[in-house]
Amino acid sequence: MEENQCCHKKKERSEAEYKGLLNRLSRIEGQVRGIRGMVERDAYCTDILMQVAAVNAALNAFNKELLANHIRTCVARDIRDGKDETIDELVATLQKLMK
């Protein structure tokens, strides 16, 4: 598959990008399981809230990395190829992320 199809529901990622994203997601999964365990053990509310804030920060970092890669590859390539609709897609995505 060609890499420029990334903005159209699929993308081939480099091995490093793929592993980096999956590692981040694995850590986030572990954090969420930890929160579940805290609830099951009746942990103090503030302690749970702090862990939820850490998960939110980790998800935001994941989004930033993914978005930066998207702009550097998919968006840049489509703009070079004259596909201006990609800009509208990016704007719509950013608006959803900033809610």
PDB file of N, CA and C in Angstrom:
ATOM      1  N   MET A   1       0.848  -1.184   0.000  1.00  0.00           N
ATOM      2  CA  MET A   1       0.000   0.000   0.000  1.00  0.00           C
ATOM      3  C   MET A   1       0.885   1.235   0.000  1.00  0.00           C
ATOM      4  N   GLU A   2       0.474   2.250  -0.721  1.00  0.00           N
ATOM      5  CA  GLU A   2       1.228   3.499  -0.763  1.00  0.00           C
ATOM      6  C   GLU A   2       0.986   4.282   0.518  1.00  0.00           C
ATOM      7  N   GLU A   3       2.035   4.976   0.948  1.00  0.00           N
ATOM      8  CA  GLU A   3       1.933   5.711   2.209  1.00  0.00           C
ATOM      9  C   GLU A   3       0.965   6.881   2.112  1.00  0.00           C
ATOM     10  N   ASN A   4       0.742   7.435   0.920  1.00  0.00           N
ATOM     11  CA  ASN A   4      -0.133   8.604   0.819  1.00  0.00           C
ATOM     12  C   ASN A   4      -1.600   8.259   1.036  1.00  0.00           C
ATOM     13  N   GLN A   5      -1.904   7.000   1.243  1.00  0.00           N
ATOM     14  CA  GLN A   5      -3.279   6.618   1.540  1.00  0.00           C
ATOM     15  C   GLN A   5      -3.603   6.784   3.023  1.00  0.00           C
ATOM     16  N   CYS A   6      -2.648   7.268   3.798  1.00  0.00           N
ATOM     17  CA  CYS A   6      -2.828   7.331   5.248  1.00  0.00           C
ATOM     18  C   CYS A   6      -4.011   8.201   5.654  1.00  0.00           C
ATOM     19  N   CYS A   7      -4.326   9.182   4.867  1.00  0.00           N
ATOM     20  CA  CYS A   7      -5.429  10.067   5.223  1.00  0.00           C
ATOM     21  C   CYS A   7      -6.763   9.507   4.755  1.00  0.00           C
ATOM     22  N   HIS A   8      -6.724   8.306   4.216  1.00  0.00           N
ATOM     23  CA  HIS A   8      -7.930   7.691   3.681  1.00  0.00           C
ATOM     24  C   HIS A   8      -8.158   6.344   4.340  1.00  0.00           C
ATOM     25  N   LYS A   9      -8.107   6.343   5.638  1.00  0.00           N
ATOM     26  CA  LYS A   9      -8.454   5.236   6.509  1.00  0.00           C
ATOM     27  C   LYS A   9      -7.362   4.208   6.755  1.00  0.00           C
ATOM     28  N   LYS A  10      -6.237   4.260   6.059  1.00  0.00           N
ATOM     29  CA  LYS A  10      -5.138   3.321   6.314  1.00  0.00           C
ATOM     30  C   LYS A  10      -3.805   4.008   6.140  1.00  0.00           C
ATOM     31  N   LYS A  11      -2.797   3.512   6.851  1.00  0.00           N
ATOM     32  CA  LYS A  11      -1.448   4.051   6.704  1.00  0.00           C
ATOM     33  C   LYS A  11      -0.429   2.998   7.093  1.00  0.00           C
ATOM     34  N   GLU A  12       0.597   2.856   6.290  1.00  0.00           N
ATOM     35  CA  GLU A  12       1.735   2.037   6.678  1.00  0.00           C
ATOM     36  C   GLU A  12       2.681   2.919   7.458  1.00  0.00           C
ATOM     37  N   ARG A  13       3.066   2.451   8.642  1.00  0.00           N
ATOM     38  CA  ARG A  13       3.972   3.221   9.483  1.00  0.00           C
ATOM     39  C   ARG A  13       5.345   2.561   9.484  1.00  0.00           C
ATOM     40  N   SER A  14       6.349   3.370   9.736  1.00  0.00           N
ATOM     41  CA  SER A  14       7.684   2.798   9.892  1.00  0.00           C
ATOM     42  C   SER A  14       7.671   1.895  11.118  1.00  0.00           C
ATOM     43  N   GLU A  15       8.620   0.975  11.175  1.00  0.00           N
ATOM     44  CA  GLU A  15       8.713   0.060  12.318  1.00  0.00           C
ATOM     45  C   GLU A  15       8.892   0.843  13.616  1.00  0.00           C
ATOM     46  N   ALA A  16       9.708   1.898  13.576  1.00  0.00           N
ATOM     47  CA  ALA A  16       9.950   2.702  14.781  1.00  0.00           C
ATOM     48  C   ALA A  16       8.678   3.411  15.231  1.00  0.00           C
ATOM     49  N   GLU A  17       7.944   4.006  14.285  1.00  0.00           N
ATOM     50  CA  GLU A  17       6.697   4.693  14.647  1.00  0.00           C
ATOM     51  C   GLU A  17       5.691   3.703  15.206  1.00  0.00           C
ATOM     52  N   TYR A  18       5.552   2.572  14.538  1.00  0.00           N
ATOM     53  CA  TYR A  18       4.612   1.529  14.954  1.00  0.00           C
ATOM     54  C   TYR A  18       4.920   1.066  16.379  1.00  0.00           C
ATOM     55  N   LYS A  19       6.182   0.729  16.639  1.00  0.00           N
ATOM     56  CA  LYS A  19       6.571   0.261  17.968  1.00  0.00           C
ATOM     57  C   LYS A  19       6.391   1.353  19.016  1.00  0.00           C
ATOM     58  N   GLY A  20       6.737   2.589  18.674  1.00  0.00           N
ATOM     59  CA  GLY A  20       6.586   3.690  19.617  1.00  0.00           C
ATOM     60  C   GLY A  20       5.143   3.911  20.025  1.00  0.00           C
ATOM     61  N   LEU A  21       4.252   3.896  19.040  1.00  0.00           N
ATOM     62  CA  LEU A  21       2.825   4.094  19.345  1.00  0.00           C
ATOM     63  C   LEU A  21       2.276   2.938  20.184  1.00  0.00           C
ATOM     64  N   LEU A  22       2.634   1.709  19.799  1.00  0.00           N
ATOM     65  CA  LEU A  22       2.140   0.557  20.560  1.00  0.00           C
ATOM     66  C   LEU A  22       2.693   0.544  21.981  1.00  0.00           C
ATOM     67  N   ASN A  23       3.948   0.944  22.163  1.00  0.00           N
ATOM     68  CA  ASN A  23       4.513   1.013  23.516  1.00  0.00           C
ATOM     69  C   ASN A  23       3.764   2.016  24.368  1.00  0.00           C
ATOM     70  N   ARG A  24       3.479   3.187  23.782  1.00  0.00           N
ATOM     71  CA  ARG A  24       2.707   4.196  24.529  1.00  0.00           C
ATOM     72  C   ARG A  24       1.342   3.647  24.922  1.00  0.00           C
ATOM     73  N   LEU A  25       0.669   2.997  23.973  1.00  0.00           N
ATOM     74  CA  LEU A  25      -0.665   2.452  24.254  1.00  0.00           C
ATOM     75  C   LEU A  25      -0.605   1.358  25.314  1.00  0.00           C
ATOM     76  N   SER A  26       0.432   0.533  25.287  1.00  0.00           N
ATOM     77  CA  SER A  26       0.570  -0.510  26.305  1.00  0.00           C
ATOM     78  C   SER A  26       0.729   0.096  27.692  1.00  0.00           C
ATOM     79  N   ARG A  27       1.516   1.167  27.785  1.00  0.00           N
ATOM     80  CA  ARG A  27       1.677   1.837  29.083  1.00  0.00           C
ATOM     81  C   ARG A  27       0.350   2.432  29.552  1.00  0.00           C
ATOM     82  N   ILE A  28      -0.399   3.036  28.624  1.00  0.00           N
ATOM     83  CA  ILE A  28      -1.697   3.621  28.976  1.00  0.00           C
ATOM     84  C   ILE A  28      -2.651   2.526  29.442  1.00  0.00           C
ATOM     85  N   GLU A  29      -2.659   1.398  28.737  1.00  0.00           N
ATOM     86  CA  GLU A  29      -3.503   0.268  29.156  1.00  0.00           C
ATOM     87  C   GLU A  29      -3.162  -0.161  30.582  1.00  0.00           C
ATOM     88  N   GLY A  30      -1.883  -0.243  30.867  1.00  0.00           N
ATOM     89  CA  GLY A  30      -1.456  -0.618  32.215  1.00  0.00           C
ATOM     90  C   GLY A  30      -1.915   0.385  33.255  1.00  0.00           C
ATOM     91  N   GLN A  31      -1.828   1.659  32.909  1.00  0.00           N
ATOM     92  CA  GLN A  31      -2.283   2.694  33.837  1.00  0.00           C
ATOM     93  C   GLN A  31      -3.781   2.557  34.099  1.00  0.00           C
ATOM     94  N   VAL A  32      -4.565   2.300  33.044  1.00  0.00           N
ATOM     95  CA  VAL A  32      -6.021   2.160  33.207  1.00  0.00           C
ATOM     96  C   VAL A  32      -6.335   0.927  34.053  1.00  0.00           C
ATOM     97  N   ARG A  33      -5.627  -0.168  33.818  1.00  0.00           N
ATOM     98  CA  ARG A  33      -5.831  -1.355  34.663  1.00  0.00           C
ATOM     99  C   ARG A  33      -5.477  -1.046  36.119  1.00  0.00           C
ATOM    100  N   GLY A  34      -4.443  -0.233  36.311  1.00  0.00           N
ATOM    101  CA  GLY A  34      -4.077   0.173  37.667  1.00  0.00           C
ATOM    102  C   GLY A  34      -5.185   0.967  38.334  1.00  0.00           C
ATOM    103  N   ILE A  35      -5.822   1.836  37.577  1.00  0.00           N
ATOM    104  CA  ILE A  35      -6.939   2.623  38.124  1.00  0.00           C
ATOM    105  C   ILE A  35      -8.086   1.693  38.505  1.00  0.00           C
ATOM    106  N   ARG A  36      -8.375   0.732  37.638  1.00  0.00           N
ATOM    107  CA  ARG A  36      -9.435  -0.227  37.956  1.00  0.00           C
ATOM    108  C   ARG A  36      -9.117  -0.943  39.273  1.00  0.00           C
ATOM    109  N   GLY A  37      -7.869  -1.350  39.419  1.00  0.00           N
ATOM    110  CA  GLY A  37      -7.454  -2.010  40.659  1.00  0.00           C
ATOM    111  C   GLY A  37      -7.616  -1.106  41.866  1.00  0.00           C
ATOM    112  N   MET A  38      -7.314   0.168  41.690  1.00  0.00           N
ATOM    113  CA  MET A  38      -7.481   1.119  42.789  1.00  0.00           C
ATOM    114  C   MET A  38      -8.947   1.213  43.197  1.00  0.00           C
ATOM    115  N   VAL A  39      -9.839   1.252  42.223  1.00  0.00           N
ATOM    116  CA  VAL A  39     -11.278   1.313  42.530  1.00  0.00           C
ATOM    117  C   VAL A  39     -11.699   0.030  43.243  1.00  0.00           C
ATOM    118  N   GLU A  40     -11.217  -1.106  42.734  1.00  0.00           N
ATOM    119  CA  GLU A  40     -11.583  -2.386  43.351  1.00  0.00           C
ATOM    120  C   GLU A  40     -11.066  -2.488  44.791  1.00  0.00           C
ATOM    121  N   ARG A  41      -9.940  -1.842  45.085  1.00  0.00           N
ATOM    122  CA  ARG A  41      -9.366  -1.860  46.442  1.00  0.00           C
ATOM    123  C   ARG A  41      -9.867  -0.695  47.301  1.00  0.00           C
ATOM    124  N   ASP A  42     -10.837   0.040  46.786  1.00  0.00           N
ATOM    125  CA  ASP A  42     -11.409   1.166  47.531  1.00  0.00           C
ATOM    126  C   ASP A  42     -10.363   2.221  47.870  1.00  0.00           C
ATOM    127  N   ALA A  43      -9.500   2.535  46.917  1.00  0.00           N
ATOM    128  CA  ALA A  43      -8.471   3.562  47.130  1.00  0.00           C
ATOM    129  C   ALA A  43      -9.138   4.916  47.336  1.00  0.00           C
ATOM    130  N   TYR A  44      -8.405   5.789  47.950  1.00  0.00           N
ATOM    131  CA  TYR A  44      -8.883   7.139  48.241  1.00  0.00           C
ATOM    132  C   TYR A  44      -9.131   7.891  46.923  1.00  0.00           C
ATOM    133  N   CYS A  45     -10.222   8.638  46.876  1.00  0.00           N
ATOM    134  CA  CYS A  45     -10.663   9.326  45.651  1.00  0.00           C
ATOM    135  C   CYS A  45      -9.564  10.187  45.026  1.00  0.00           C
ATOM    136  N   THR A  46      -8.886  10.964  45.829  1.00  0.00           N
ATOM    137  CA  THR A  46      -7.857  11.859  45.303  1.00  0.00           C
ATOM    138  C   THR A  46      -6.732  11.074  44.638  1.00  0.00           C
ATOM    139  N   ASP A  47      -6.379   9.931  45.211  1.00  0.00           N
ATOM    140  CA  ASP A  47      -5.330   9.105  44.617  1.00  0.00           C
ATOM    141  C   ASP A  47      -5.764   8.595  43.235  1.00  0.00           C
ATOM    142  N   ILE A  48      -7.006   8.192  43.133  1.00  0.00           N
ATOM    143  CA  ILE A  48      -7.538   7.723  41.843  1.00  0.00           C
ATOM    144  C   ILE A  48      -7.562   8.875  40.846  1.00  0.00           C
ATOM    145  N   LEU A  49      -8.028  10.029  41.287  1.00  0.00           N
ATOM    146  CA  LEU A  49      -8.090  11.188  40.393  1.00  0.00           C
ATOM    147  C   LEU A  49      -6.718  11.564  39.849  1.00  0.00           C
ATOM    148  N   MET A  50      -5.693  11.451  40.665  1.00  0.00           N
ATOM    149  CA  MET A  50      -4.330  11.765  40.209  1.00  0.00           C
ATOM    150  C   MET A  50      -3.882  10.773  39.133  1.00  0.00           C
ATOM    151  N   GLN A  51      -4.259   9.521  39.297  1.00  0.00           N
ATOM    152  CA  GLN A  51      -3.906   8.519  38.291  1.00  0.00           C
ATOM    153  C   GLN A  51      -4.681   8.741  36.992  1.00  0.00           C
ATOM    154  N   VAL A  52      -5.932   9.161  37.105  1.00  0.00           N
ATOM    155  CA  VAL A  52      -6.722   9.488  35.910  1.00  0.00           C
ATOM    156  C   VAL A  52      -6.093  10.665  35.177  1.00  0.00           C
ATOM    157  N   ALA A  53      -5.627  11.659  35.919  1.00  0.00           N
ATOM    158  CA  ALA A  53      -4.954  12.806  35.297  1.00  0.00           C
ATOM    159  C   ALA A  53      -3.696  12.351  34.560  1.00  0.00           C
ATOM    160  N   ALA A  54      -2.981  11.380  35.122  1.00  0.00           N
ATOM    161  CA  ALA A  54      -1.782  10.856  34.463  1.00  0.00           C
ATOM    162  C   ALA A  54      -2.145  10.144  33.160  1.00  0.00           C
ATOM    163  N   VAL A  55      -3.245   9.416  33.154  1.00  0.00           N
ATOM    164  CA  VAL A  55      -3.699   8.741  31.930  1.00  0.00           C
ATOM    165  C   VAL A  55      -4.095   9.777  30.882  1.00  0.00           C
ATOM    166  N   ASN A  56      -4.803  10.813  31.313  1.00  0.00           N
ATOM    167  CA  ASN A  56      -5.179  11.878  30.377  1.00  0.00           C
ATOM    168  C   ASN A  56      -3.939  12.515  29.752  1.00  0.00           C
ATOM    169  N   ALA A  57      -2.918  12.767  30.564  1.00  0.00           N
ATOM    170  CA  ALA A  57      -1.678  13.347  30.049  1.00  0.00           C
ATOM    171  C   ALA A  57      -1.002  12.395  29.064  1.00  0.00           C
ATOM    172  N   ALA A  58      -1.017  11.106  29.367  1.00  0.00           N
ATOM    173  CA  ALA A  58      -0.414  10.114  28.475  1.00  0.00           C
ATOM    174  C   ALA A  58      -1.175  10.039  27.153  1.00  0.00           C
ATOM    175  N   LEU A  59      -2.492  10.103  27.203  1.00  0.00           N
ATOM    176  CA  LEU A  59      -3.290  10.098  25.967  1.00  0.00           C
ATOM    177  C   LEU A  59      -3.038  11.361  25.151  1.00  0.00           C
ATOM    178  N   ASN A  60      -2.904  12.498  25.830  1.00  0.00           N
ATOM    179  CA  ASN A  60      -2.591  13.737  25.114  1.00  0.00           C
ATOM    180  C   ASN A  60      -1.231  13.650  24.436  1.00  0.00           C
ATOM    181  N   ALA A  61      -0.255  13.058  25.104  1.00  0.00           N
ATOM    182  CA  ALA A  61       1.068  12.890  24.508  1.00  0.00           C
ATOM    183  C   ALA A  61       0.994  11.959  23.298  1.00  0.00           C
ATOM    184  N   PHE A  62       0.200  10.910  23.395  1.00  0.00           N
ATOM    185  CA  PHE A  62      -0.011   9.999  22.267  1.00  0.00           C
ATOM    186  C   PHE A  62      -0.618  10.755  21.083  1.00  0.00           C
ATOM    187  N   ASN A  63      -1.660  11.545  21.360  1.00  0.00           N
ATOM    188  CA  ASN A  63      -2.306  12.337  20.305  1.00  0.00           C
ATOM    189  C   ASN A  63      -1.328  13.304  19.655  1.00  0.00           C
ATOM    190  N   LYS A  64      -0.508  13.964  20.455  1.00  0.00           N
ATOM    191  CA  LYS A  64       0.461  14.919  19.902  1.00  0.00           C
ATOM    192  C   LYS A  64       1.444  14.232  18.972  1.00  0.00           C
ATOM    193  N   GLU A  65       1.939  13.072  19.382  1.00  0.00           N
ATOM    194  CA  GLU A  65       2.890  12.329  18.548  1.00  0.00           C
ATOM    195  C   GLU A  65       2.227  11.875  17.247  1.00  0.00           C
ATOM    196  N   LEU A  66       1.035  11.321  17.361  1.00  0.00           N
ATOM    197  CA  LEU A  66       0.323  10.841  16.182  1.00  0.00           C
ATOM    198  C   LEU A  66      -0.014  11.989  15.243  1.00  0.00           C
ATOM    199  N   LEU A  67      -0.467  13.108  15.785  1.00  0.00           N
ATOM    200  CA  LEU A  67      -0.811  14.271  14.970  1.00  0.00           C
ATOM    201  C   LEU A  67       0.417  14.831  14.265  1.00  0.00           C
ATOM    202  N   ALA A  68       1.529  14.937  14.976  1.00  0.00           N
ATOM    203  CA  ALA A  68       2.756  15.445  14.359  1.00  0.00           C
ATOM    204  C   ALA A  68       3.196  14.553  13.204  1.00  0.00           C
ATOM    205  N   ASN A  69       3.143  13.245  13.413  1.00  0.00           N
ATOM    206  CA  ASN A  69       3.502  12.314  12.340  1.00  0.00           C
ATOM    207  C   ASN A  69       2.546  12.448  11.162  1.00  0.00           C
ATOM    208  N   HIS A  70       1.271  12.612  11.454  1.00  0.00           N
ATOM    209  CA  HIS A  70       0.256  12.768  10.410  1.00  0.00           C
ATOM    210  C   HIS A  70       0.535  14.007   9.558  1.00  0.00           C
ATOM    211  N   ILE A  71       0.838  15.121  10.225  1.00  0.00           N
ATOM    212  CA  ILE A  71       1.098  16.368   9.499  1.00  0.00           C
ATOM    213  C   ILE A  71       2.359  16.234   8.662  1.00  0.00           C
ATOM    214  N   ARG A  72       3.401  15.648   9.232  1.00  0.00           N
ATOM    215  CA  ARG A  72       4.677  15.512   8.507  1.00  0.00           C
ATOM    216  C   ARG A  72       4.573  14.588   7.297  1.00  0.00           C
ATOM    217  N   THR A  73       3.698  13.602   7.367  1.00  0.00           N
ATOM    218  CA  THR A  73       3.625  12.625   6.276  1.00  0.00           C
ATOM    219  C   THR A  73       2.387  12.860   5.419  1.00  0.00           C
ATOM    220  N   CYS A  74       1.257  12.486   5.909  1.00  0.00           N
ATOM    221  CA  CYS A  74       0.008  12.510   5.135  1.00  0.00           C
ATOM    222  C   CYS A  74      -0.351  13.905   4.636  1.00  0.00           C
ATOM    223  N   VAL A  75      -0.409  14.850   5.558  1.00  0.00           N
ATOM    224  CA  VAL A  75      -0.853  16.198   5.202  1.00  0.00           C
ATOM    225  C   VAL A  75       0.130  16.854   4.243  1.00  0.00           C
ATOM    226  N   ALA A  76       1.413  16.783   4.572  1.00  0.00           N
ATOM    227  CA  ALA A  76       2.425  17.408   3.708  1.00  0.00           C
ATOM    228  C   ALA A  76       2.385  16.803   2.310  1.00  0.00           C
ATOM    229  N   ARG A  77       2.291  15.491   2.230  1.00  0.00           N
ATOM    230  CA  ARG A  77       2.270  14.825   0.930  1.00  0.00           C
ATOM    231  C   ARG A  77       1.031  15.228   0.122  1.00  0.00           C
ATOM    232  N   ASP A  78      -0.127  15.225   0.771  1.00  0.00           N
ATOM    233  CA  ASP A  78      -1.354  15.584   0.062  1.00  0.00           C
ATOM    234  C   ASP A  78      -1.329  17.030  -0.410  1.00  0.00           C
ATOM    235  N   ILE A  79      -0.788  17.933   0.395  1.00  0.00           N
ATOM    236  CA  ILE A  79      -0.689  19.337  -0.025  1.00  0.00           C
ATOM    237  C   ILE A  79       0.222  19.443  -1.241  1.00  0.00           C
ATOM    238  N   ARG A  80       1.363  18.742  -1.195  1.00  0.00           N
ATOM    239  CA  ARG A  80       2.261  18.748  -2.361  1.00  0.00           C
ATOM    240  C   ARG A  80       1.573  18.189  -3.604  1.00  0.00           C
ATOM    241  N   ASP A  81       0.674  17.219  -3.388  1.00  0.00           N
ATOM    242  CA  ASP A  81      -0.046  16.608  -4.511  1.00  0.00           C
ATOM    243  C   ASP A  81      -1.281  17.409  -4.925  1.00  0.00           C
ATOM    244  N   GLY A  82      -1.514  18.569  -4.290  1.00  0.00           N
ATOM    245  CA  GLY A  82      -2.637  19.426  -4.650  1.00  0.00           C
ATOM    246  C   GLY A  82      -3.968  19.008  -4.054  1.00  0.00           C
ATOM    247  N   LYS A  83      -3.953  18.158  -3.056  1.00  0.00           N
ATOM    248  CA  LYS A  83      -5.197  17.687  -2.428  1.00  0.00           C
ATOM    249  C   LYS A  83      -5.554  18.612  -1.268  1.00  0.00           C
ATOM    250  N   ASP A  84      -6.124  19.753  -1.592  1.00  0.00           N
ATOM    251  CA  ASP A  84      -6.426  20.763  -0.576  1.00  0.00           C
ATOM    252  C   ASP A  84      -7.496  20.317   0.421  1.00  0.00           C
ATOM    253  N   GLU A  85      -8.292  19.310   0.076  1.00  0.00           N
ATOM    254  CA  GLU A  85      -9.321  18.837   1.004  1.00  0.00           C
ATOM    255  C   GLU A  85      -8.696  18.273   2.280  1.00  0.00           C
ATOM    256  N   THR A  86      -7.439  17.903   2.201  1.00  0.00           N
ATOM    257  CA  THR A  86      -6.734  17.401   3.386  1.00  0.00           C
ATOM    258  C   THR A  86      -6.624  18.487   4.450  1.00  0.00           C
ATOM    259  N   ILE A  87      -6.519  19.727   4.031  1.00  0.00           N
ATOM    260  CA  ILE A  87      -6.461  20.836   4.994  1.00  0.00           C
ATOM    261  C   ILE A  87      -7.778  20.920   5.754  1.00  0.00           C
ATOM    262  N   ASP A  88      -8.896  20.794   5.039  1.00  0.00           N
ATOM    263  CA  ASP A  88     -10.203  20.810   5.702  1.00  0.00           C
ATOM    264  C   ASP A  88     -10.334  19.648   6.686  1.00  0.00           C
ATOM    265  N   GLU A  89      -9.831  18.476   6.291  1.00  0.00           N
ATOM    266  CA  GLU A  89      -9.869  17.315   7.172  1.00  0.00           C
ATOM    267  C   GLU A  89      -9.041  17.570   8.432  1.00  0.00           C
ATOM    268  N   LEU A  90      -7.863  18.168   8.265  1.00  0.00           N
ATOM    269  CA  LEU A  90      -7.000  18.479   9.402  1.00  0.00           C
ATOM    270  C   LEU A  90      -7.671  19.485  10.328  1.00  0.00           C
ATOM    271  N   VAL A  91      -8.264  20.516   9.761  1.00  0.00           N
ATOM    272  CA  VAL A  91      -8.957  21.524  10.572  1.00  0.00           C
ATOM    273  C   VAL A  91     -10.090  20.873  11.362  1.00  0.00           C
ATOM    274  N   ALA A  92     -10.875  20.019  10.710  1.00  0.00           N
ATOM    275  CA  ALA A  92     -11.981  19.334  11.389  1.00  0.00           C
ATOM    276  C   ALA A  92     -11.452  18.448  12.524  1.00  0.00           C
ATOM    277  N   THR A  93     -10.349  17.760  12.267  1.00  0.00           N
ATOM    278  CA  THR A  93      -9.745  16.902  13.290  1.00  0.00           C
ATOM    279  C   THR A  93      -9.279  17.735  14.476  1.00  0.00           C
ATOM    280  N   LEU A  94      -8.600  18.851  14.206  1.00  0.00           N
ATOM    281  CA  LEU A  94      -8.124  19.718  15.289  1.00  0.00           C
ATOM    282  C   LEU A  94      -9.288  20.277  16.103  1.00  0.00           C
ATOM    283  N   GLN A  95     -10.380  20.637  15.429  1.00  0.00           N
ATOM    284  CA  GLN A  95     -11.534  21.157  16.154  1.00  0.00           C
ATOM    285  C   GLN A  95     -12.100  20.098  17.091  1.00  0.00           C
ATOM    286  N   LYS A  96     -12.136  18.840  16.636  1.00  0.00           N
ATOM    287  CA  LYS A  96     -12.632  17.755  17.502  1.00  0.00           C
ATOM    288  C   LYS A  96     -11.697  17.516  18.675  1.00  0.00           C
ATOM    289  N   LEU A  97     -10.385  17.591  18.421  1.00  0.00           N
ATOM    290  CA  LEU A  97      -9.418  17.361  19.488  1.00  0.00           C
ATOM    291  C   LEU A  97      -9.439  18.455  20.545  1.00  0.00           C
ATOM    292  N   MET A  98      -9.846  19.654  20.159  1.00  0.00           N
ATOM    293  CA  MET A  98      -9.797  20.801  21.077  1.00  0.00           C
ATOM    294  C   MET A  98     -11.110  21.057  21.799  1.00  0.00           C
ATOM    295  N   LYS A  99     -12.044  20.138  21.734  1.00  0.00           N
ATOM    296  CA  LYS A  99     -13.316  20.321  22.441  1.00  0.00           C
ATOM    297  C   LYS A  99     -13.115  20.286  23.922  1.00  0.00           C
TER     298      LYS A  99
END
